[in-house]
Amino acid sequence: MPESPLGIGPAGVLTARAITRSRAARGFAQCQLAERVTALGRPMTITMLSRIERWQRRCDVDDLVAIATALDVSPLALLAETS
């Protein structure tokens, strides 16, 4: 029997929102950010990124570091967003 996925907690929701805001602030479409993350060696599709931003997929630490690098921000900056 497959395991049920874990829900996205408050920190995950805030991080997803921070990713979306940072991406938009830099003028990147989801496809552009996914391509940048993949170019860094962390394969990511548009669907994966979209699900992270819509709170349907957990953003693991490796994803977070790659996304932050692609956005040219610290991973902590994405974790520390509070609004």
PDB file of N, CA and C in Angstrom:
ATOM      1  N   MET A   1       0.840  -1.177   0.000  1.00  0.00           N
ATOM      2  CA  MET A   1       0.000   0.000   0.000  1.00  0.00           C
ATOM      3  C   MET A   1       0.886   1.242   0.000  1.00  0.00           C
ATOM      4  N   PRO A   2       0.661   2.192  -0.933  1.00  0.00           N
ATOM      5  CA  PRO A   2       1.497   3.401  -0.986  1.00  0.00           C
ATOM      6  C   PRO A   2       1.249   4.282   0.232  1.00  0.00           C
ATOM      7  N   GLU A   3       2.306   4.964   0.627  1.00  0.00           N
ATOM      8  CA  GLU A   3       2.190   5.890   1.744  1.00  0.00           C
ATOM      9  C   GLU A   3       1.400   7.115   1.311  1.00  0.00           C
ATOM     10  N   SER A   4       0.656   7.679   2.261  1.00  0.00           N
ATOM     11  CA  SER A   4      -0.068   8.910   1.941  1.00  0.00           C
ATOM     12  C   SER A   4       0.906  10.079   2.055  1.00  0.00           C
ATOM     13  N   PRO A   5       0.783  11.059   1.162  1.00  0.00           N
ATOM     14  CA  PRO A   5       1.704  12.193   1.203  1.00  0.00           C
ATOM     15  C   PRO A   5       1.489  13.034   2.457  1.00  0.00           C
ATOM     16  N   LEU A   6       2.552  13.615   2.927  1.00  0.00           N
ATOM     17  CA  LEU A   6       2.462  14.520   4.072  1.00  0.00           C
ATOM     18  C   LEU A   6       1.901  15.854   3.616  1.00  0.00           C
ATOM     19  N   GLY A   7       1.100  16.454   4.447  1.00  0.00           N
ATOM     20  CA  GLY A   7       0.547  17.765   4.118  1.00  0.00           C
ATOM     21  C   GLY A   7       1.620  18.837   4.150  1.00  0.00           C
ATOM     22  N   ILE A   8       1.306  19.946   3.547  1.00  0.00           N
ATOM     23  CA  ILE A   8       2.215  21.086   3.543  1.00  0.00           C
ATOM     24  C   ILE A   8       1.900  21.907   4.793  1.00  0.00           C
ATOM     25  N   GLY A   9       2.900  22.124   5.623  1.00  0.00           N
ATOM     26  CA  GLY A   9       2.719  22.884   6.852  1.00  0.00           C
ATOM     27  C   GLY A   9       2.863  24.378   6.629  1.00  0.00           C
ATOM     28  N   PRO A  10       2.708  25.162   7.696  1.00  0.00           N
ATOM     29  CA  PRO A  10       2.781  26.617   7.586  1.00  0.00           C
ATOM     30  C   PRO A  10       4.103  27.119   7.000  1.00  0.00           C
ATOM     31  N   ALA A  11       5.221  26.526   7.397  1.00  0.00           N
ATOM     32  CA  ALA A  11       6.515  26.960   6.853  1.00  0.00           C
ATOM     33  C   ALA A  11       6.599  26.651   5.358  1.00  0.00           C
ATOM     34  N   GLY A  12       6.040  25.518   4.952  1.00  0.00           N
ATOM     35  CA  GLY A  12       6.031  25.160   3.537  1.00  0.00           C
ATOM     36  C   GLY A  12       5.202  26.118   2.713  1.00  0.00           C
ATOM     37  N   VAL A  13       4.063  26.531   3.256  1.00  0.00           N
ATOM     38  CA  VAL A  13       3.198  27.493   2.559  1.00  0.00           C
ATOM     39  C   VAL A  13       3.915  28.830   2.409  1.00  0.00           C
ATOM     40  N   LEU A  14       4.522  29.309   3.490  1.00  0.00           N
ATOM     41  CA  LEU A  14       5.236  30.591   3.421  1.00  0.00           C
ATOM     42  C   LEU A  14       6.411  30.518   2.454  1.00  0.00           C
ATOM     43  N   THR A  15       7.112  29.398   2.439  1.00  0.00           N
ATOM     44  CA  THR A  15       8.240  29.230   1.520  1.00  0.00           C
ATOM     45  C   THR A  15       7.749  29.203   0.077  1.00  0.00           C
ATOM     46  N   ALA A  16       6.657  28.518  -0.183  1.00  0.00           N
ATOM     47  CA  ALA A  16       6.097  28.475  -1.540  1.00  0.00           C
ATOM     48  C   ALA A  16       5.708  29.877  -1.998  1.00  0.00           C
ATOM     49  N   ARG A  17       5.107  30.636  -1.111  1.00  0.00           N
ATOM     50  CA  ARG A  17       4.734  32.015  -1.451  1.00  0.00           C
ATOM     51  C   ARG A  17       5.981  32.857  -1.734  1.00  0.00           C
ATOM     52  N   ALA A  18       7.032  32.647  -0.937  1.00  0.00           N
ATOM     53  CA  ALA A  18       8.277  33.399  -1.132  1.00  0.00           C
ATOM     54  C   ALA A  18       8.918  33.049  -2.469  1.00  0.00           C
ATOM     55  N   ILE A  19       8.858  31.780  -2.849  1.00  0.00           N
ATOM     56  CA  ILE A  19       9.397  31.360  -4.149  1.00  0.00           C
ATOM     57  C   ILE A  19       8.630  32.071  -5.264  1.00  0.00           C
ATOM     58  N   THR A  20       7.315  32.066  -5.164  1.00  0.00           N
ATOM     59  CA  THR A  20       6.487  32.712  -6.188  1.00  0.00           C
ATOM     60  C   THR A  20       6.799  34.202  -6.288  1.00  0.00           C
ATOM     61  N   ARG A  21       6.882  34.877  -5.131  1.00  0.00           N
ATOM     62  CA  ARG A  21       7.172  36.318  -5.134  1.00  0.00           C
ATOM     63  C   ARG A  21       8.560  36.608  -5.706  1.00  0.00           C
ATOM     64  N   SER A  22       9.545  35.830  -5.300  1.00  0.00           N
ATOM     65  CA  SER A  22      10.916  36.055  -5.779  1.00  0.00           C
ATOM     66  C   SER A  22      11.015  35.802  -7.277  1.00  0.00           C
ATOM     67  N   ARG A  23      10.339  34.765  -7.740  1.00  0.00           N
ATOM     68  CA  ARG A  23      10.345  34.455  -9.171  1.00  0.00           C
ATOM     69  C   ARG A  23       9.721  35.603  -9.958  1.00  0.00           C
ATOM     70  N   ALA A  24       8.561  36.064  -9.498  1.00  0.00           N
ATOM     71  CA  ALA A  24       7.867  37.154 -10.193  1.00  0.00           C
ATOM     72  C   ALA A  24       8.667  38.453 -10.142  1.00  0.00           C
ATOM     73  N   ALA A  25       9.301  38.730  -9.017  1.00  0.00           N
ATOM     74  CA  ALA A  25      10.093  39.956  -8.873  1.00  0.00           C
ATOM     75  C   ALA A  25      11.258  39.987  -9.847  1.00  0.00           C
ATOM     76  N   ARG A  26      11.756  38.821 -10.209  1.00  0.00           N
ATOM     77  CA  ARG A  26      12.873  38.741 -11.154  1.00  0.00           C
ATOM     78  C   ARG A  26      12.396  38.598 -12.598  1.00  0.00           C
ATOM     79  N   GLY A  27      11.087  38.556 -12.775  1.00  0.00           N
ATOM     80  CA  GLY A  27      10.525  38.485 -14.118  1.00  0.00           C
ATOM     81  C   GLY A  27      10.638  37.129 -14.777  1.00  0.00           C
ATOM     82  N   PHE A  28      10.802  36.075 -13.972  1.00  0.00           N
ATOM     83  CA  PHE A  28      10.919  34.721 -14.521  1.00  0.00           C
ATOM     84  C   PHE A  28       9.547  34.066 -14.607  1.00  0.00           C
ATOM     85  N   ALA A  29       9.274  33.438 -15.736  1.00  0.00           N
ATOM     86  CA  ALA A  29       8.129  32.544 -15.844  1.00  0.00           C
ATOM     87  C   ALA A  29       8.512  31.237 -15.154  1.00  0.00           C
ATOM     88  N   GLN A  30       7.524  30.433 -14.817  1.00  0.00           N
ATOM     89  CA  GLN A  30       7.822  29.154 -14.179  1.00  0.00           C
ATOM     90  C   GLN A  30       8.753  28.308 -15.049  1.00  0.00           C
ATOM     91  N   CYS A  31       8.542  28.328 -16.351  1.00  0.00           N
ATOM     92  CA  CYS A  31       9.391  27.517 -17.230  1.00  0.00           C
ATOM     93  C   CYS A  31      10.842  28.000 -17.187  1.00  0.00           C
ATOM     94  N   GLN A  32      11.040  29.299 -17.075  1.00  0.00           N
ATOM     95  CA  GLN A  32      12.410  29.826 -17.012  1.00  0.00           C
ATOM     96  C   GLN A  32      13.095  29.416 -15.712  1.00  0.00           C
ATOM     97  N   LEU A  33      12.377  29.504 -14.600  1.00  0.00           N
ATOM     98  CA  LEU A  33      12.976  29.106 -13.326  1.00  0.00           C
ATOM     99  C   LEU A  33      13.253  27.611 -13.310  1.00  0.00           C
ATOM    100  N   ALA A  34      12.332  26.818 -13.811  1.00  0.00           N
ATOM    101  CA  ALA A  34      12.548  25.367 -13.861  1.00  0.00           C
ATOM    102  C   ALA A  34      13.784  25.035 -14.702  1.00  0.00           C
ATOM    103  N   GLU A  35      13.960  25.730 -15.814  1.00  0.00           N
ATOM    104  CA  GLU A  35      15.138  25.517 -16.655  1.00  0.00           C
ATOM    105  C   GLU A  35      16.419  25.910 -15.924  1.00  0.00           C
ATOM    106  N   ARG A  36      16.393  27.011 -15.181  1.00  0.00           N
ATOM    107  CA  ARG A  36      17.572  27.458 -14.427  1.00  0.00           C
ATOM    108  C   ARG A  36      17.927  26.452 -13.343  1.00  0.00           C
ATOM    109  N   VAL A  37      16.921  25.936 -12.651  1.00  0.00           N
ATOM    110  CA  VAL A  37      17.154  24.938 -11.603  1.00  0.00           C
ATOM    111  C   VAL A  37      17.749  23.670 -12.225  1.00  0.00           C
ATOM    112  N   THR A  38      17.190  23.233 -13.333  1.00  0.00           N
ATOM    113  CA  THR A  38      17.692  22.039 -14.025  1.00  0.00           C
ATOM    114  C   THR A  38      19.131  22.244 -14.477  1.00  0.00           C
ATOM    115  N   ALA A  39      19.447  23.432 -14.978  1.00  0.00           N
ATOM    116  CA  ALA A  39      20.810  23.731 -15.433  1.00  0.00           C
ATOM    117  C   ALA A  39      21.809  23.661 -14.280  1.00  0.00           C
ATOM    118  N   LEU A  40      21.328  23.846 -13.060  1.00  0.00           N
ATOM    119  CA  LEU A  40      22.197  23.753 -11.887  1.00  0.00           C
ATOM    120  C   LEU A  40      22.411  22.309 -11.440  1.00  0.00           C
ATOM    121  N   GLY A  41      21.770  21.370 -12.135  1.00  0.00           N
ATOM    122  CA  GLY A  41      21.959  19.959 -11.810  1.00  0.00           C
ATOM    123  C   GLY A  41      20.848  19.352 -10.974  1.00  0.00           C
ATOM    124  N   ARG A  42      19.815  20.106 -10.711  1.00  0.00           N
ATOM    125  CA  ARG A  42      18.656  19.588  -9.966  1.00  0.00           C
ATOM    126  C   ARG A  42      17.473  19.560 -10.927  1.00  0.00           C
ATOM    127  N   PRO A  43      17.229  18.407 -11.584  1.00  0.00           N
ATOM    128  CA  PRO A  43      16.150  18.344 -12.574  1.00  0.00           C
ATOM    129  C   PRO A  43      14.817  18.804 -11.986  1.00  0.00           C
ATOM    130  N   MET A  44      14.183  19.748 -12.689  1.00  0.00           N
ATOM    131  CA  MET A  44      12.886  20.250 -12.243  1.00  0.00           C
ATOM    132  C   MET A  44      12.061  20.587 -13.474  1.00  0.00           C
ATOM    133  N   THR A  45      10.839  20.090 -13.481  1.00  0.00           N
ATOM    134  CA  THR A  45       9.918  20.400 -14.570  1.00  0.00           C
ATOM    135  C   THR A  45       9.031  21.573 -14.150  1.00  0.00           C
ATOM    136  N   ILE A  46       8.348  22.126 -15.136  1.00  0.00           N
ATOM    137  CA  ILE A  46       7.396  23.199 -14.841  1.00  0.00           C
ATOM    138  C   ILE A  46       6.321  22.671 -13.896  1.00  0.00           C
ATOM    139  N   THR A  47       5.883  21.453 -14.120  1.00  0.00           N
ATOM    140  CA  THR A  47       4.855  20.857 -13.268  1.00  0.00           C
ATOM    141  C   THR A  47       5.323  20.759 -11.825  1.00  0.00           C
ATOM    142  N   MET A  48       6.554  20.332 -11.621  1.00  0.00           N
ATOM    143  CA  MET A  48       7.087  20.235 -10.261  1.00  0.00           C
ATOM    144  C   MET A  48       7.080  21.603  -9.582  1.00  0.00           C
ATOM    145  N   LEU A  49       7.570  22.612 -10.282  1.00  0.00           N
ATOM    146  CA  LEU A  49       7.618  23.957  -9.716  1.00  0.00           C
ATOM    147  C   LEU A  49       6.212  24.488  -9.463  1.00  0.00           C
ATOM    148  N   SER A  50       5.319  24.276 -10.389  1.00  0.00           N
ATOM    149  CA  SER A  50       3.942  24.726 -10.228  1.00  0.00           C
ATOM    150  C   SER A  50       3.302  24.089  -9.002  1.00  0.00           C
ATOM    151  N   ARG A  51       3.542  22.816  -8.805  1.00  0.00           N
ATOM    152  CA  ARG A  51       2.965  22.125  -7.642  1.00  0.00           C
ATOM    153  C   ARG A  51       3.563  22.637  -6.339  1.00  0.00           C
ATOM    154  N   ILE A  52       4.852  22.975  -6.348  1.00  0.00           N
ATOM    155  CA  ILE A  52       5.451  23.573  -5.147  1.00  0.00           C
ATOM    156  C   ILE A  52       4.767  24.904  -4.854  1.00  0.00           C
ATOM    157  N   GLU A  53       4.626  25.739  -5.875  1.00  0.00           N
ATOM    158  CA  GLU A  53       4.034  27.064  -5.685  1.00  0.00           C
ATOM    159  C   GLU A  53       2.563  27.001  -5.293  1.00  0.00           C
ATOM    160  N   ARG A  54       1.873  25.931  -5.684  1.00  0.00           N
ATOM    161  CA  ARG A  54       0.447  25.795  -5.357  1.00  0.00           C
ATOM    162  C   ARG A  54       0.205  24.918  -4.132  1.00  0.00           C
ATOM    163  N   TRP A  55       1.259  24.611  -3.396  1.00  0.00           N
ATOM    164  CA  TRP A  55       1.197  23.835  -2.152  1.00  0.00           C
ATOM    165  C   TRP A  55       0.719  22.410  -2.367  1.00  0.00           C
ATOM    166  N   GLN A  56       1.000  21.862  -3.541  1.00  0.00           N
ATOM    167  CA  GLN A  56       0.609  20.488  -3.831  1.00  0.00           C
ATOM    168  C   GLN A  56       1.808  19.543  -3.809  1.00  0.00           C
ATOM    169  N   ARG A  57       3.001  20.092  -3.654  1.00  0.00           N
ATOM    170  CA  ARG A  57       4.226  19.288  -3.609  1.00  0.00           C
ATOM    171  C   ARG A  57       5.154  19.913  -2.578  1.00  0.00           C
ATOM    172  N   ARG A  58       5.709  19.066  -1.747  1.00  0.00           N
ATOM    173  CA  ARG A  58       6.657  19.545  -0.747  1.00  0.00           C
ATOM    174  C   ARG A  58       7.946  19.973  -1.433  1.00  0.00           C
ATOM    175  N   CYS A  59       8.539  21.014  -0.933  1.00  0.00           N
ATOM    176  CA  CYS A  59       9.817  21.504  -1.438  1.00  0.00           C
ATOM    177  C   CYS A  59      10.894  20.969  -0.506  1.00  0.00           C
ATOM    178  N   ASP A  60      11.645  19.961  -0.949  1.00  0.00           N
ATOM    179  CA  ASP A  60      12.671  19.417  -0.060  1.00  0.00           C
ATOM    180  C   ASP A  60      13.890  20.336  -0.042  1.00  0.00           C
ATOM    181  N   VAL A  61      14.817  20.010   0.825  1.00  0.00           N
ATOM    182  CA  VAL A  61      15.981  20.883   1.024  1.00  0.00           C
ATOM    183  C   VAL A  61      16.779  21.051  -0.260  1.00  0.00           C
ATOM    184  N   ASP A  62      16.972  19.986  -1.008  1.00  0.00           N
ATOM    185  CA  ASP A  62      17.730  20.083  -2.262  1.00  0.00           C
ATOM    186  C   ASP A  62      17.018  20.983  -3.269  1.00  0.00           C
ATOM    187  N   ASP A  63      15.686  20.861  -3.344  1.00  0.00           N
ATOM    188  CA  ASP A  63      14.916  21.749  -4.216  1.00  0.00           C
ATOM    189  C   ASP A  63      15.084  23.197  -3.765  1.00  0.00           C
ATOM    190  N   LEU A  64      14.957  23.418  -2.467  1.00  0.00           N
ATOM    191  CA  LEU A  64      15.043  24.773  -1.921  1.00  0.00           C
ATOM    192  C   LEU A  64      16.379  25.434  -2.246  1.00  0.00           C
ATOM    193  N   VAL A  65      17.458  24.701  -2.052  1.00  0.00           N
ATOM    194  CA  VAL A  65      18.790  25.251  -2.321  1.00  0.00           C
ATOM    195  C   VAL A  65      18.941  25.563  -3.809  1.00  0.00           C
ATOM    196  N   ALA A  66      18.500  24.660  -4.670  1.00  0.00           N
ATOM    197  CA  ALA A  66      18.621  24.889  -6.112  1.00  0.00           C
ATOM    198  C   ALA A  66      17.750  26.057  -6.570  1.00  0.00           C
ATOM    199  N   ILE A  67      16.522  26.132  -6.057  1.00  0.00           N
ATOM    200  CA  ILE A  67      15.630  27.230  -6.429  1.00  0.00           C
ATOM    201  C   ILE A  67      16.217  28.557  -5.963  1.00  0.00           C
ATOM    202  N   ALA A  68      16.694  28.594  -4.734  1.00  0.00           N
ATOM    203  CA  ALA A  68      17.294  29.822  -4.209  1.00  0.00           C
ATOM    204  C   ALA A  68      18.491  30.248  -5.047  1.00  0.00           C
ATOM    205  N   THR A  69      19.349  29.298  -5.403  1.00  0.00           N
ATOM    206  CA  THR A  69      20.516  29.610  -6.233  1.00  0.00           C
ATOM    207  C   THR A  69      20.077  30.160  -7.590  1.00  0.00           C
ATOM    208  N   ALA A  70      19.067  29.529  -8.187  1.00  0.00           N
ATOM    209  CA  ALA A  70      18.572  29.983  -9.488  1.00  0.00           C
ATOM    210  C   ALA A  70      17.960  31.377  -9.401  1.00  0.00           C
ATOM    211  N   LEU A  71      17.421  31.718  -8.229  1.00  0.00           N
ATOM    212  CA  LEU A  71      16.835  33.045  -8.020  1.00  0.00           C
ATOM    213  C   LEU A  71      17.859  34.055  -7.509  1.00  0.00           C
ATOM    214  N   ASP A  72      19.071  33.587  -7.254  1.00  0.00           N
ATOM    215  CA  ASP A  72      20.150  34.423  -6.720  1.00  0.00           C
ATOM    216  C   ASP A  72      19.787  35.031  -5.362  1.00  0.00           C
ATOM    217  N   VAL A  73      19.211  34.182  -4.504  1.00  0.00           N
ATOM    218  CA  VAL A  73      18.908  34.569  -3.129  1.00  0.00           C
ATOM    219  C   VAL A  73      19.394  33.447  -2.210  1.00  0.00           C
ATOM    220  N   SER A  74      19.492  33.751  -0.947  1.00  0.00           N
ATOM    221  CA  SER A  74      19.853  32.753   0.040  1.00  0.00           C
ATOM    222  C   SER A  74      18.652  31.849   0.303  1.00  0.00           C
ATOM    223  N   PRO A  75      18.861  30.555   0.528  1.00  0.00           N
ATOM    224  CA  PRO A  75      17.737  29.700   0.933  1.00  0.00           C
ATOM    225  C   PRO A  75      17.049  30.252   2.184  1.00  0.00           C
ATOM    226  N   LEU A  76      17.832  30.820   3.073  1.00  0.00           N
ATOM    227  CA  LEU A  76      17.261  31.397   4.295  1.00  0.00           C
ATOM    228  C   LEU A  76      16.284  32.525   3.971  1.00  0.00           C
ATOM    229  N   ALA A  77      16.564  33.283   2.927  1.00  0.00           N
ATOM    230  CA  ALA A  77      15.661  34.368   2.538  1.00  0.00           C
ATOM    231  C   ALA A  77      14.292  33.808   2.156  1.00  0.00           C
ATOM    232  N   LEU A  78      14.264  32.635   1.528  1.00  0.00           N
ATOM    233  CA  LEU A  78      12.993  32.023   1.151  1.00  0.00           C
ATOM    234  C   LEU A  78      12.289  31.430   2.365  1.00  0.00           C
ATOM    235  N   LEU A  79      13.064  30.977   3.335  1.00  0.00           N
ATOM    236  CA  LEU A  79      12.480  30.409   4.558  1.00  0.00           C
ATOM    237  C   LEU A  79      12.009  31.485   5.517  1.00  0.00           C
ATOM    238  N   ALA A  80      12.644  32.645   5.481  1.00  0.00           N
ATOM    239  CA  ALA A  80      12.379  33.690   6.456  1.00  0.00           C
ATOM    240  C   ALA A  80      11.213  34.590   6.100  1.00  0.00           C
ATOM    241  N   GLU A  81      10.661  34.446   4.888  1.00  0.00           N
ATOM    242  CA  GLU A  81       9.519  35.277   4.483  1.00  0.00           C
ATOM    243  C   GLU A  81       8.360  35.044   5.446  1.00  0.00           C
ATOM    244  N   THR A  82       7.707  36.083   5.841  1.00  0.00           N
ATOM    245  CA  THR A  82       6.625  35.947   6.801  1.00  0.00           C
ATOM    246  C   THR A  82       5.308  36.553   6.344  1.00  0.00           C
ATOM    247  N   SER A  83       5.292  37.208   5.218  1.00  0.00           N
ATOM    248  CA  SER A  83       4.020  37.821   4.810  1.00  0.00           C
ATOM    249  C   SER A  83       3.464  37.138   3.598  1.00  0.00           C
TER     250      SER A  83
END
